[in-house]
Amino acid sequence: MQVTHLSANDCYAATRSIRSLVKQKANFSRSLPNPILYLSQALGLINLSSHLVQCHVNNLFLMANSSTPFIQHLFVYQLLLIQFRLLIPISSLMVVDWSL
């Protein structure tokens, strides 16, 4: 599973022409704030940055709850890699009993 991670600025640049076209065709002012375009009661456009974050979280959730041991080990490996890169000394994966 290979995914390209786009920053918020990359998403903004990638969808700039679409937002401009929608504003033009709907006879909206160019100064209309972009969040209005994303309202489901208005046009319901998808905010690409928010959508990508939602997809990544969903993929992590599916990996964590996978019935395939390989996928579960891959998920744990990714979490440990994140822990290493962020210099976090203690992993929550090591906690066996969360009770007090």
Protein backbone atom coordinates (compact mmCIF):
# COMPACT_ATOMS: atom_id res chain seq x y z
CA MET A 1 0.00 0.00 0.00
CA GLN A 2 1.69 3.17 -1.18
CA VAL A 3 0.08 6.54 -0.63
CA THR A 4 1.24 10.00 -1.60
CA HIS A 5 0.89 12.42 1.27
CA LEU A 6 0.02 15.92 0.16
CA SER A 7 0.42 18.93 2.40
CA ALA A 8 -2.43 21.37 2.92
CA ASN A 9 -0.66 23.81 0.59
CA ASP A 10 -0.32 21.15 -2.14
CA CYS A 11 -4.02 20.33 -1.84
CA TYR A 12 -4.90 24.01 -2.00
CA ALA A 13 -2.78 24.48 -5.14
CA ALA A 14 -4.17 21.33 -6.79
CA THR A 15 -7.79 22.42 -6.37
CA ARG A 16 -7.32 26.15 -7.02
CA SER A 17 -8.46 26.00 -10.65
CA ILE A 18 -11.54 23.92 -9.79
CA ARG A 19 -12.62 26.36 -7.07
CA SER A 20 -12.08 29.26 -9.46
CA LEU A 21 -14.12 27.55 -12.19
CA VAL A 22 -16.97 26.73 -9.79
CA LYS A 23 -17.09 30.31 -8.53
CA GLN A 24 -17.12 31.62 -12.10
CA LYS A 25 -19.84 29.24 -13.36
CA ALA A 26 -22.03 29.82 -10.30
CA ASN A 27 -21.67 33.61 -10.71
CA PHE A 28 -20.08 33.94 -7.30
CA SER A 29 -17.64 36.69 -6.45
CA ARG A 30 -13.98 35.68 -6.56
CA SER A 31 -13.70 36.97 -3.01
CA LEU A 32 -16.25 34.43 -1.73
CA PRO A 33 -14.58 32.47 1.10
CA ASN A 34 -13.65 28.94 0.07
CA PRO A 35 -15.23 27.21 3.11
CA ILE A 36 -18.64 28.24 1.77
CA LEU A 37 -18.01 26.05 -1.28
CA TYR A 38 -17.46 23.05 1.02
CA LEU A 39 -20.76 23.40 2.88
CA SER A 40 -23.10 20.49 2.18
CA GLN A 41 -26.04 22.92 2.19
CA ALA A 42 -24.38 24.94 -0.58
CA LEU A 43 -22.34 23.26 -3.32
CA GLY A 44 -20.89 20.44 -1.26
CA LEU A 45 -17.42 20.42 -2.80
CA ILE A 46 -14.90 18.18 -1.06
CA ASN A 47 -12.02 19.78 0.79
CA LEU A 48 -9.16 17.65 -0.55
CA SER A 49 -6.90 18.15 2.46
CA SER A 50 -9.58 17.13 4.96
CA HIS A 51 -10.60 14.21 2.76
CA LEU A 52 -7.02 12.89 2.58
CA VAL A 53 -6.63 13.11 6.36
CA GLN A 54 -9.90 11.22 6.78
CA CYS A 55 -8.74 8.52 4.34
CA HIS A 56 -5.41 8.09 6.15
CA VAL A 57 -7.11 7.75 9.52
CA ASN A 58 -9.54 5.25 8.04
CA ASN A 59 -6.67 3.19 6.59
CA LEU A 60 -4.89 3.16 9.96
CA PHE A 61 -8.11 2.04 11.65
CA LEU A 62 -8.59 -0.76 9.11
CA MET A 63 -4.98 -1.87 9.51
CA ALA A 64 -5.25 -1.90 13.31
CA ASN A 65 -8.38 -4.04 13.16
CA SER A 66 -7.31 -6.31 10.33
CA SER A 67 -7.76 -10.06 10.71
CA THR A 68 -4.54 -10.66 8.76
CA PRO A 69 -1.51 -11.01 11.06
CA PHE A 70 0.82 -9.54 8.42
CA ILE A 71 -1.22 -6.34 8.21
CA GLN A 72 -1.34 -6.09 12.01
CA HIS A 73 2.44 -6.49 12.24
CA LEU A 74 2.88 -3.90 9.51
CA PHE A 75 0.69 -1.48 11.47
CA VAL A 76 2.71 -2.04 14.66
CA TYR A 77 5.92 -1.55 12.68
CA GLN A 78 4.63 1.76 11.29
CA LEU A 79 3.68 2.95 14.78
CA LEU A 80 7.11 2.00 16.13
CA LEU A 81 8.74 3.83 13.23
CA ILE A 82 6.71 6.94 14.03
CA GLN A 83 7.73 6.59 17.68
CA PHE A 84 11.40 6.35 16.66
CA ARG A 85 11.24 9.33 14.30
CA LEU A 86 9.49 11.52 16.89
CA LEU A 87 11.91 10.41 19.64
CA ILE A 88 9.10 9.21 21.89
CA PRO A 89 10.71 7.09 24.64
CA ILE A 90 7.69 5.00 25.68
CA SER A 91 5.22 3.38 23.32
CA SER A 92 1.59 2.96 24.26
CA LEU A 93 1.82 -0.41 22.49
CA MET A 94 3.92 -1.71 25.39
CA VAL A 95 1.14 -1.12 27.92
CA VAL A 96 -0.61 -4.40 28.65
CA ASP A 97 -2.95 -3.36 31.44
CA TRP A 98 -4.50 0.13 31.37
CA SER A 99 -6.26 -0.26 34.72
CA LEU A 100 -5.02 1.63 37.77
